[in-house]
Amino acid sequence: MKPATPTARLEARLPHEVHAMLKRAAELQGRTLTDFVVAAASEAARKTIEDMEIIRLSVEDQIRVAEAILNPPEPAPALVRAFERHRRMVAPEE
């Protein structure tokens, strides 16, 4: 027998109309209200996380990023000075 999956409880107060709408949608899909709400909330959470964590670039932007990685520009003079200053501070000559 498969061990039971740990669960957590979630309670929410809903307007009557929202509860009725969720219940109707669950019935239309042949699911329990709990199953319907869990599935819908899980999908909404997954999409939200994906939208916030995954960077989507147009084809043009993908080409620009690849080009910058493959052929990086020369460092600006200020960056060269910062590297030198960092090198002197972190690994001073003995």
PDB file of N, CA and C in Angstrom:
ATOM      1  N   MET A   1       0.827  -1.176   0.000  1.00  0.00           N
ATOM      2  CA  MET A   1       0.000   0.000   0.000  1.00  0.00           C
ATOM      3  C   MET A   1       0.879   1.250   0.000  1.00  0.00           C
ATOM      4  N   LYS A   2       0.516   2.231  -0.804  1.00  0.00           N
ATOM      5  CA  LYS A   2       1.274   3.461  -0.947  1.00  0.00           C
ATOM      6  C   LYS A   2       1.090   4.339   0.293  1.00  0.00           C
ATOM      7  N   PRO A   3       2.200   4.897   0.850  1.00  0.00           N
ATOM      8  CA  PRO A   3       2.043   5.746   2.026  1.00  0.00           C
ATOM      9  C   PRO A   3       1.266   7.016   1.674  1.00  0.00           C
ATOM     10  N   ALA A   4       0.514   7.530   2.631  1.00  0.00           N
ATOM     11  CA  ALA A   4      -0.296   8.731   2.408  1.00  0.00           C
ATOM     12  C   ALA A   4       0.605   9.948   2.219  1.00  0.00           C
ATOM     13  N   THR A   5       0.224  10.815   1.283  1.00  0.00           N
ATOM     14  CA  THR A   5       0.949  12.051   1.050  1.00  0.00           C
ATOM     15  C   THR A   5       0.602  13.040   2.153  1.00  0.00           C
ATOM     16  N   PRO A   6       1.613  13.692   2.752  1.00  0.00           N
ATOM     17  CA  PRO A   6       1.305  14.679   3.785  1.00  0.00           C
ATOM     18  C   PRO A   6       0.465  15.815   3.195  1.00  0.00           C
ATOM     19  N   THR A   7      -0.467  16.302   3.961  1.00  0.00           N
ATOM     20  CA  THR A   7      -1.329  17.378   3.486  1.00  0.00           C
ATOM     21  C   THR A   7      -1.321  18.525   4.482  1.00  0.00           C
ATOM     22  N   ALA A   8      -1.788  19.672   4.024  1.00  0.00           N
ATOM     23  CA  ALA A   8      -1.962  20.852   4.872  1.00  0.00           C
ATOM     24  C   ALA A   8      -3.367  21.375   4.647  1.00  0.00           C
ATOM     25  N   ARG A   9      -3.891  22.043   5.632  1.00  0.00           N
ATOM     26  CA  ARG A   9      -5.251  22.548   5.549  1.00  0.00           C
ATOM     27  C   ARG A   9      -5.234  24.014   5.134  1.00  0.00           C
ATOM     28  N   LEU A  10      -6.199  24.402   4.320  1.00  0.00           N
ATOM     29  CA  LEU A  10      -6.371  25.784   3.888  1.00  0.00           C
ATOM     30  C   LEU A  10      -7.838  26.133   4.039  1.00  0.00           C
ATOM     31  N   GLU A  11      -8.098  27.202   4.744  1.00  0.00           N
ATOM     32  CA  GLU A  11      -9.485  27.652   4.887  1.00  0.00           C
ATOM     33  C   GLU A  11      -9.611  29.028   4.260  1.00  0.00           C
ATOM     34  N   ALA A  12     -10.759  29.302   3.685  1.00  0.00           N
ATOM     35  CA  ALA A  12     -11.001  30.604   3.075  1.00  0.00           C
ATOM     36  C   ALA A  12     -12.468  30.963   3.217  1.00  0.00           C
ATOM     37  N   ARG A  13     -12.717  32.189   3.519  1.00  0.00           N
ATOM     38  CA  ARG A  13     -14.088  32.711   3.535  1.00  0.00           C
ATOM     39  C   ARG A  13     -14.375  33.284   2.157  1.00  0.00           C
ATOM     40  N   LEU A  14     -15.469  32.831   1.553  1.00  0.00           N
ATOM     41  CA  LEU A  14     -15.824  33.248   0.197  1.00  0.00           C
ATOM     42  C   LEU A  14     -17.196  33.878   0.173  1.00  0.00           C
ATOM     43  N   PRO A  15     -17.384  34.831  -0.711  1.00  0.00           N
ATOM     44  CA  PRO A  15     -18.746  35.290  -0.945  1.00  0.00           C
ATOM     45  C   PRO A  15     -19.575  34.117  -1.471  1.00  0.00           C
ATOM     46  N   HIS A  16     -20.827  34.102  -1.137  1.00  0.00           N
ATOM     47  CA  HIS A  16     -21.718  33.008  -1.536  1.00  0.00           C
ATOM     48  C   HIS A  16     -21.685  32.768  -3.047  1.00  0.00           C
ATOM     49  N   GLU A  17     -21.640  33.853  -3.817  1.00  0.00           N
ATOM     50  CA  GLU A  17     -21.653  33.731  -5.278  1.00  0.00           C
ATOM     51  C   GLU A  17     -20.402  33.014  -5.779  1.00  0.00           C
ATOM     52  N   VAL A  18     -19.250  33.324  -5.168  1.00  0.00           N
ATOM     53  CA  VAL A  18     -17.993  32.688  -5.585  1.00  0.00           C
ATOM     54  C   VAL A  18     -18.032  31.201  -5.247  1.00  0.00           C
ATOM     55  N   HIS A  19     -18.522  30.871  -4.068  1.00  0.00           N
ATOM     56  CA  HIS A  19     -18.631  29.467  -3.673  1.00  0.00           C
ATOM     57  C   HIS A  19     -19.526  28.710  -4.650  1.00  0.00           C
ATOM     58  N   ALA A  20     -20.653  29.305  -4.997  1.00  0.00           N
ATOM     59  CA  ALA A  20     -21.578  28.654  -5.932  1.00  0.00           C
ATOM     60  C   ALA A  20     -20.933  28.471  -7.303  1.00  0.00           C
ATOM     61  N   MET A  21     -20.179  29.477  -7.742  1.00  0.00           N
ATOM     62  CA  MET A  21     -19.519  29.388  -9.043  1.00  0.00           C
ATOM     63  C   MET A  21     -18.456  28.290  -9.030  1.00  0.00           C
ATOM     64  N   LEU A  22     -17.649  28.206  -7.968  1.00  0.00           N
ATOM     65  CA  LEU A  22     -16.630  27.167  -7.872  1.00  0.00           C
ATOM     66  C   LEU A  22     -17.272  25.783  -7.841  1.00  0.00           C
ATOM     67  N   LYS A  23     -18.347  25.672  -7.078  1.00  0.00           N
ATOM     68  CA  LYS A  23     -19.038  24.390  -6.969  1.00  0.00           C
ATOM     69  C   LYS A  23     -19.588  23.963  -8.331  1.00  0.00           C
ATOM     70  N   ARG A  24     -20.168  24.899  -9.058  1.00  0.00           N
ATOM     71  CA  ARG A  24     -20.721  24.600 -10.388  1.00  0.00           C
ATOM     72  C   ARG A  24     -19.610  24.180 -11.352  1.00  0.00           C
ATOM     73  N   ALA A  25     -18.500  24.900 -11.326  1.00  0.00           N
ATOM     74  CA  ALA A  25     -17.379  24.568 -12.214  1.00  0.00           C
ATOM     75  C   ALA A  25     -16.841  23.175 -11.888  1.00  0.00           C
ATOM     76  N   ALA A  26     -16.744  22.849 -10.609  1.00  0.00           N
ATOM     77  CA  ALA A  26     -16.276  21.524 -10.199  1.00  0.00           C
ATOM     78  C   ALA A  26     -17.225  20.447 -10.717  1.00  0.00           C
ATOM     79  N   GLU A  27     -18.528  20.692 -10.593  1.00  0.00           N
ATOM     80  CA  GLU A  27     -19.520  19.732 -11.083  1.00  0.00           C
ATOM     81  C   GLU A  27     -19.385  19.530 -12.589  1.00  0.00           C
ATOM     82  N   LEU A  28     -19.163  20.613 -13.322  1.00  0.00           N
ATOM     83  CA  LEU A  28     -19.032  20.519 -14.776  1.00  0.00           C
ATOM     84  C   LEU A  28     -17.825  19.681 -15.183  1.00  0.00           C
ATOM     85  N   GLN A  29     -16.782  19.698 -14.362  1.00  0.00           N
ATOM     86  CA  GLN A  29     -15.591  18.896 -14.653  1.00  0.00           C
ATOM     87  C   GLN A  29     -15.634  17.530 -13.995  1.00  0.00           C
ATOM     88  N   GLY A  30     -16.701  17.249 -13.267  1.00  0.00           N
ATOM     89  CA  GLY A  30     -16.809  15.956 -12.609  1.00  0.00           C
ATOM     90  C   GLY A  30     -15.823  15.785 -11.465  1.00  0.00           C
ATOM     91  N   ARG A  31     -15.513  16.875 -10.793  1.00  0.00           N
ATOM     92  CA  ARG A  31     -14.562  16.851  -9.690  1.00  0.00           C
ATOM     93  C   ARG A  31     -15.253  17.252  -8.398  1.00  0.00           C
ATOM     94  N   THR A  32     -14.577  16.946  -7.300  1.00  0.00           N
ATOM     95  CA  THR A  32     -15.065  17.479  -6.028  1.00  0.00           C
ATOM     96  C   THR A  32     -14.670  18.948  -5.966  1.00  0.00           C
ATOM     97  N   LEU A  33     -15.331  19.682  -5.121  1.00  0.00           N
ATOM     98  CA  LEU A  33     -14.996  21.093  -4.951  1.00  0.00           C
ATOM     99  C   LEU A  33     -13.546  21.239  -4.502  1.00  0.00           C
ATOM    100  N   THR A  34     -13.129  20.407  -3.564  1.00  0.00           N
ATOM    101  CA  THR A  34     -11.749  20.465  -3.080  1.00  0.00           C
ATOM    102  C   THR A  34     -10.760  20.210  -4.210  1.00  0.00           C
ATOM    103  N   ASP A  35     -10.988  19.160  -4.983  1.00  0.00           N
ATOM    104  CA  ASP A  35     -10.093  18.835  -6.085  1.00  0.00           C
ATOM    105  C   ASP A  35     -10.032  19.977  -7.094  1.00  0.00           C
ATOM    106  N   PHE A  36     -11.184  20.553  -7.414  1.00  0.00           N
ATOM    107  CA  PHE A  36     -11.229  21.647  -8.369  1.00  0.00           C
ATOM    108  C   PHE A  36     -10.432  22.847  -7.854  1.00  0.00           C
ATOM    109  N   VAL A  37     -10.662  23.227  -6.604  1.00  0.00           N
ATOM    110  CA  VAL A  37      -9.984  24.400  -6.037  1.00  0.00           C
ATOM    111  C   VAL A  37      -8.480  24.160  -5.947  1.00  0.00           C
ATOM    112  N   VAL A  38      -8.075  22.971  -5.505  1.00  0.00           N
ATOM    113  CA  VAL A  38      -6.648  22.663  -5.407  1.00  0.00           C
ATOM    114  C   VAL A  38      -5.999  22.722  -6.789  1.00  0.00           C
ATOM    115  N   ALA A  39      -6.637  22.132  -7.789  1.00  0.00           N
ATOM    116  CA  ALA A  39      -6.077  22.133  -9.143  1.00  0.00           C
ATOM    117  C   ALA A  39      -5.984  23.556  -9.698  1.00  0.00           C
ATOM    118  N   ALA A  40      -7.052  24.341  -9.520  1.00  0.00           N
ATOM    119  CA  ALA A  40      -7.056  25.712 -10.043  1.00  0.00           C
ATOM    120  C   ALA A  40      -6.026  26.578  -9.326  1.00  0.00           C
ATOM    121  N   ALA A  41      -5.938  26.459  -8.012  1.00  0.00           N
ATOM    122  CA  ALA A  41      -4.974  27.253  -7.245  1.00  0.00           C
ATOM    123  C   ALA A  41      -3.543  26.836  -7.582  1.00  0.00           C
ATOM    124  N   SER A  42      -3.317  25.538  -7.735  1.00  0.00           N
ATOM    125  CA  SER A  42      -1.979  25.054  -8.087  1.00  0.00           C
ATOM    126  C   SER A  42      -1.542  25.599  -9.437  1.00  0.00           C
ATOM    127  N   GLU A  43      -2.437  25.555 -10.404  1.00  0.00           N
ATOM    128  CA  GLU A  43      -2.117  26.062 -11.741  1.00  0.00           C
ATOM    129  C   GLU A  43      -1.854  27.563 -11.695  1.00  0.00           C
ATOM    130  N   ALA A  44      -2.668  28.309 -10.969  1.00  0.00           N
ATOM    131  CA  ALA A  44      -2.461  29.755 -10.855  1.00  0.00           C
ATOM    132  C   ALA A  44      -1.130  30.061 -10.170  1.00  0.00           C
ATOM    133  N   ALA A  45      -0.784  29.309  -9.142  1.00  0.00           N
ATOM    134  CA  ALA A  45       0.485  29.511  -8.442  1.00  0.00           C
ATOM    135  C   ALA A  45       1.663  29.181  -9.346  1.00  0.00           C
ATOM    136  N   ARG A  46       1.578  28.059 -10.066  1.00  0.00           N
ATOM    137  CA  ARG A  46       2.650  27.677 -10.983  1.00  0.00           C
ATOM    138  C   ARG A  46       2.878  28.746 -12.043  1.00  0.00           C
ATOM    139  N   LYS A  47       1.784  29.248 -12.619  1.00  0.00           N
ATOM    140  CA  LYS A  47       1.881  30.269 -13.662  1.00  0.00           C
ATOM    141  C   LYS A  47       2.469  31.561 -13.105  1.00  0.00           C
ATOM    142  N   THR A  48       2.049  31.959 -11.912  1.00  0.00           N
ATOM    143  CA  THR A  48       2.577  33.175 -11.293  1.00  0.00           C
ATOM    144  C   THR A  48       4.073  33.051 -11.068  1.00  0.00           C
ATOM    145  N   ILE A  49       4.506  31.927 -10.519  1.00  0.00           N
ATOM    146  CA  ILE A  49       5.931  31.715 -10.264  1.00  0.00           C
ATOM    147  C   ILE A  49       6.706  31.705 -11.573  1.00  0.00           C
ATOM    148  N   GLU A  50       6.176  31.012 -12.564  1.00  0.00           N
ATOM    149  CA  GLU A  50       6.837  30.957 -13.870  1.00  0.00           C
ATOM    150  C   GLU A  50       6.953  32.346 -14.476  1.00  0.00           C
ATOM    151  N   ASP A  51       5.874  33.122 -14.426  1.00  0.00           N
ATOM    152  CA  ASP A  51       5.888  34.474 -14.994  1.00  0.00           C
ATOM    153  C   ASP A  51       6.914  35.368 -14.309  1.00  0.00           C
ATOM    154  N   MET A  52       7.127  35.150 -13.017  1.00  0.00           N
ATOM    155  CA  MET A  52       8.055  35.999 -12.273  1.00  0.00           C
ATOM    156  C   MET A  52       9.503  35.516 -12.356  1.00  0.00           C
ATOM    157  N   GLU A  53       9.727  34.242 -12.616  1.00  0.00           N
ATOM    158  CA  GLU A  53      11.080  33.695 -12.575  1.00  0.00           C
ATOM    159  C   GLU A  53      11.690  33.417 -13.939  1.00  0.00           C
ATOM    160  N   ILE A  54      10.879  33.302 -14.962  1.00  0.00           N
ATOM    161  CA  ILE A  54      11.395  32.976 -16.291  1.00  0.00           C
ATOM    162  C   ILE A  54      11.408  34.240 -17.143  1.00  0.00           C
ATOM    163  N   ILE A  55      12.563  34.528 -17.705  1.00  0.00           N
ATOM    164  CA  ILE A  55      12.696  35.694 -18.575  1.00  0.00           C
ATOM    165  C   ILE A  55      12.413  35.252 -19.999  1.00  0.00           C
ATOM    166  N   ARG A  56      11.460  35.917 -20.618  1.00  0.00           N
ATOM    167  CA  ARG A  56      11.132  35.598 -21.997  1.00  0.00           C
ATOM    168  C   ARG A  56      11.647  36.731 -22.883  1.00  0.00           C
ATOM    169  N   LEU A  57      12.392  36.352 -23.904  1.00  0.00           N
ATOM    170  CA  LEU A  57      12.954  37.336 -24.815  1.00  0.00           C
ATOM    171  C   LEU A  57      12.414  37.128 -26.217  1.00  0.00           C
ATOM    172  N   SER A  58      12.278  38.232 -26.937  1.00  0.00           N
ATOM    173  CA  SER A  58      11.910  38.124 -28.346  1.00  0.00           C
ATOM    174  C   SER A  58      13.096  37.491 -29.082  1.00  0.00           C
ATOM    175  N   VAL A  59      12.876  37.070 -30.305  1.00  0.00           N
ATOM    176  CA  VAL A  59      13.954  36.477 -31.098  1.00  0.00           C
ATOM    177  C   VAL A  59      15.086  37.485 -31.263  1.00  0.00           C
ATOM    178  N   GLU A  60      14.732  38.745 -31.521  1.00  0.00           N
ATOM    179  CA  GLU A  60      15.757  39.789 -31.675  1.00  0.00           C
ATOM    180  C   GLU A  60      16.593  39.920 -30.403  1.00  0.00           C
ATOM    181  N   ASP A  61      15.930  39.933 -29.244  1.00  0.00           N
ATOM    182  CA  ASP A  61      16.648  40.056 -27.978  1.00  0.00           C
ATOM    183  C   ASP A  61      17.502  38.825 -27.700  1.00  0.00           C
ATOM    184  N   GLN A  62      17.024  37.641 -28.069  1.00  0.00           N
ATOM    185  CA  GLN A  62      17.825  36.423 -27.900  1.00  0.00           C
ATOM    186  C   GLN A  62      19.110  36.517 -28.724  1.00  0.00           C
ATOM    187  N   ILE A  63      18.996  37.011 -29.933  1.00  0.00           N
ATOM    188  CA  ILE A  63      20.164  37.164 -30.806  1.00  0.00           C
ATOM    189  C   ILE A  63      21.135  38.177 -30.198  1.00  0.00           C
ATOM    190  N   ARG A  64      20.615  39.291 -29.674  1.00  0.00           N
ATOM    191  CA  ARG A  64      21.478  40.317 -29.068  1.00  0.00           C
ATOM    192  C   ARG A  64      22.225  39.757 -27.861  1.00  0.00           C
ATOM    193  N   VAL A  65      21.545  38.978 -27.015  1.00  0.00           N
ATOM    194  CA  VAL A  65      22.197  38.389 -25.836  1.00  0.00           C
ATOM    195  C   VAL A  65      23.274  37.402 -26.283  1.00  0.00           C
ATOM    196  N   ALA A  66      22.942  36.533 -27.233  1.00  0.00           N
ATOM    197  CA  ALA A  66      23.920  35.559 -27.726  1.00  0.00           C
ATOM    198  C   ALA A  66      25.121  36.269 -28.340  1.00  0.00           C
ATOM    199  N   GLU A  67      24.883  37.303 -29.092  1.00  0.00           N
ATOM    200  CA  GLU A  67      25.963  38.069 -29.722  1.00  0.00           C
ATOM    201  C   GLU A  67      26.864  38.711 -28.666  1.00  0.00           C
ATOM    202  N   ALA A  68      26.268  39.259 -27.616  1.00  0.00           N
ATOM    203  CA  ALA A  68      27.057  39.881 -26.544  1.00  0.00           C
ATOM    204  C   ALA A  68      27.890  38.846 -25.797  1.00  0.00           C
ATOM    205  N   ILE A  69      27.372  37.624 -25.647  1.00  0.00           N
ATOM    206  CA  ILE A  69      28.127  36.564 -24.970  1.00  0.00           C
ATOM    207  C   ILE A  69      29.268  36.073 -25.865  1.00  0.00           C
ATOM    208  N   LEU A  70      28.973  35.871 -27.146  1.00  0.00           N
ATOM    209  CA  LEU A  70      29.977  35.342 -28.064  1.00  0.00           C
ATOM    210  C   LEU A  70      31.035  36.381 -28.438  1.00  0.00           C
ATOM    211  N   ASN A  71      30.631  37.641 -28.537  1.00  0.00           N
ATOM    212  CA  ASN A  71      31.543  38.724 -28.931  1.00  0.00           C
ATOM    213  C   ASN A  71      31.378  39.897 -27.972  1.00  0.00           C
ATOM    214  N   PRO A  72      31.872  39.752 -26.739  1.00  0.00           N
ATOM    215  CA  PRO A  72      31.666  40.826 -25.762  1.00  0.00           C
ATOM    216  C   PRO A  72      32.405  42.094 -26.178  1.00  0.00           C
ATOM    217  N   PRO A  73      31.851  43.252 -25.835  1.00  0.00           N
ATOM    218  CA  PRO A  73      32.529  44.513 -26.164  1.00  0.00           C
ATOM    219  C   PRO A  73      33.762  44.697 -25.273  1.00  0.00           C
ATOM    220  N   GLU A  74      34.657  45.565 -25.705  1.00  0.00           N
ATOM    221  CA  GLU A  74      35.830  45.900 -24.896  1.00  0.00           C
ATOM    222  C   GLU A  74      35.348  46.573 -23.611  1.00  0.00           C
ATOM    223  N   PRO A  75      36.034  46.323 -22.484  1.00  0.00           N
ATOM    224  CA  PRO A  75      35.610  46.972 -21.244  1.00  0.00           C
ATOM    225  C   PRO A  75      35.844  48.483 -21.320  1.00  0.00           C
ATOM    226  N   ALA A  76      34.926  49.218 -20.719  1.00  0.00           N
ATOM    227  CA  ALA A  76      35.049  50.673 -20.675  1.00  0.00           C
ATOM    228  C   ALA A  76      36.228  51.045 -19.783  1.00  0.00           C
ATOM    229  N   PRO A  77      36.831  52.216 -20.004  1.00  0.00           N
ATOM    230  CA  PRO A  77      37.970  52.621 -19.176  1.00  0.00           C
ATOM    231  C   PRO A  77      37.663  52.595 -17.669  1.00  0.00           C
ATOM    232  N   ALA A  78      36.477  52.984 -17.286  1.00  0.00           N
ATOM    233  CA  ALA A  78      36.123  52.967 -15.861  1.00  0.00           C
ATOM    234  C   ALA A  78      36.138  51.544 -15.310  1.00  0.00           C
ATOM    235  N   LEU A  79      35.719  50.572 -16.102  1.00  0.00           N
ATOM    236  CA  LEU A  79      35.735  49.181 -15.660  1.00  0.00           C
ATOM    237  C   LEU A  79      37.168  48.673 -15.525  1.00  0.00           C
ATOM    238  N   VAL A  80      38.036  49.054 -16.458  1.00  0.00           N
ATOM    239  CA  VAL A  80      39.446  48.662 -16.387  1.00  0.00           C
ATOM    240  C   VAL A  80      40.064  49.225 -15.106  1.00  0.00           C
ATOM    241  N   ARG A  81      39.787  50.504 -14.801  1.00  0.00           N
ATOM    242  CA  ARG A  81      40.302  51.112 -13.571  1.00  0.00           C
ATOM    243  C   ARG A  81      39.770  50.393 -12.341  1.00  0.00           C
ATOM    244  N   ALA A  82      38.499  50.004 -12.366  1.00  0.00           N
ATOM    245  CA  ALA A  82      37.912  49.297 -11.226  1.00  0.00           C
ATOM    246  C   ALA A  82      38.578  47.934 -11.033  1.00  0.00           C
ATOM    247  N   PHE A  83      38.865  47.223 -12.119  1.00  0.00           N
ATOM    248  CA  PHE A  83      39.568  45.939 -12.020  1.00  0.00           C
ATOM    249  C   PHE A  83      40.949  46.124 -11.396  1.00  0.00           C
ATOM    250  N   GLU A  84      41.659  47.160 -11.855  1.00  0.00           N
ATOM    251  CA  GLU A  84      43.000  47.418 -11.322  1.00  0.00           C
ATOM    252  C   GLU A  84      42.929  47.755  -9.832  1.00  0.00           C
ATOM    253  N   ARG A  85      41.992  48.597  -9.459  1.00  0.00           N
ATOM    254  CA  ARG A  85      41.830  48.980  -8.052  1.00  0.00           C
ATOM    255  C   ARG A  85      41.486  47.744  -7.214  1.00  0.00           C
ATOM    256  N   HIS A  86      40.616  46.900  -7.719  1.00  0.00           N
ATOM    257  CA  HIS A  86      40.244  45.665  -7.017  1.00  0.00           C
ATOM    258  C   HIS A  86      41.460  44.748  -6.854  1.00  0.00           C
ATOM    259  N   ARG A  87      42.231  44.615  -7.920  1.00  0.00           N
ATOM    260  CA  ARG A  87      43.404  43.744  -7.882  1.00  0.00           C
ATOM    261  C   ARG A  87      44.406  44.244  -6.831  1.00  0.00           C
ATOM    262  N   ARG A  88      44.608  45.569  -6.773  1.00  0.00           N
ATOM    263  CA  ARG A  88      45.540  46.121  -5.780  1.00  0.00           C
ATOM    264  C   ARG A  88      45.042  45.922  -4.355  1.00  0.00           C
ATOM    265  N   MET A  89      43.745  46.006  -4.139  1.00  0.00           N
ATOM    266  CA  MET A  89      43.195  45.884  -2.804  1.00  0.00           C
ATOM    267  C   MET A  89      43.122  44.430  -2.345  1.00  0.00           C
ATOM    268  N   VAL A  90      42.783  43.513  -3.236  1.00  0.00           N
ATOM    269  CA  VAL A  90      42.575  42.117  -2.877  1.00  0.00           C
ATOM    270  C   VAL A  90      43.887  41.342  -2.855  1.00  0.00           C
ATOM    271  N   ALA A  91      44.741  41.580  -3.821  1.00  0.00           N
ATOM    272  CA  ALA A  91      46.005  40.849  -3.896  1.00  0.00           C
ATOM    273  C   ALA A  91      47.151  41.837  -4.077  1.00  0.00           C
ATOM    274  N   PRO A  92      47.465  42.589  -3.016  1.00  0.00           N
ATOM    275  CA  PRO A  92      48.577  43.555  -3.164  1.00  0.00           C
ATOM    276  C   PRO A  92      49.899  42.843  -3.454  1.00  0.00           C
ATOM    277  N   GLU A  93      50.739  43.533  -4.190  1.00  0.00           N
ATOM    278  CA  GLU A  93      52.039  42.938  -4.546  1.00  0.00           C
ATOM    279  C   GLU A  93      52.865  42.761  -3.282  1.00  0.00           C
ATOM    280  N   GLU A  94      53.587  41.678  -3.237  1.00  0.00           N
ATOM    281  CA  GLU A  94      54.384  41.381  -2.038  1.00  0.00           C
ATOM    282  C   GLU A  94      55.765  41.951  -2.147  1.00  0.00           C
TER     283      GLU A  94
END
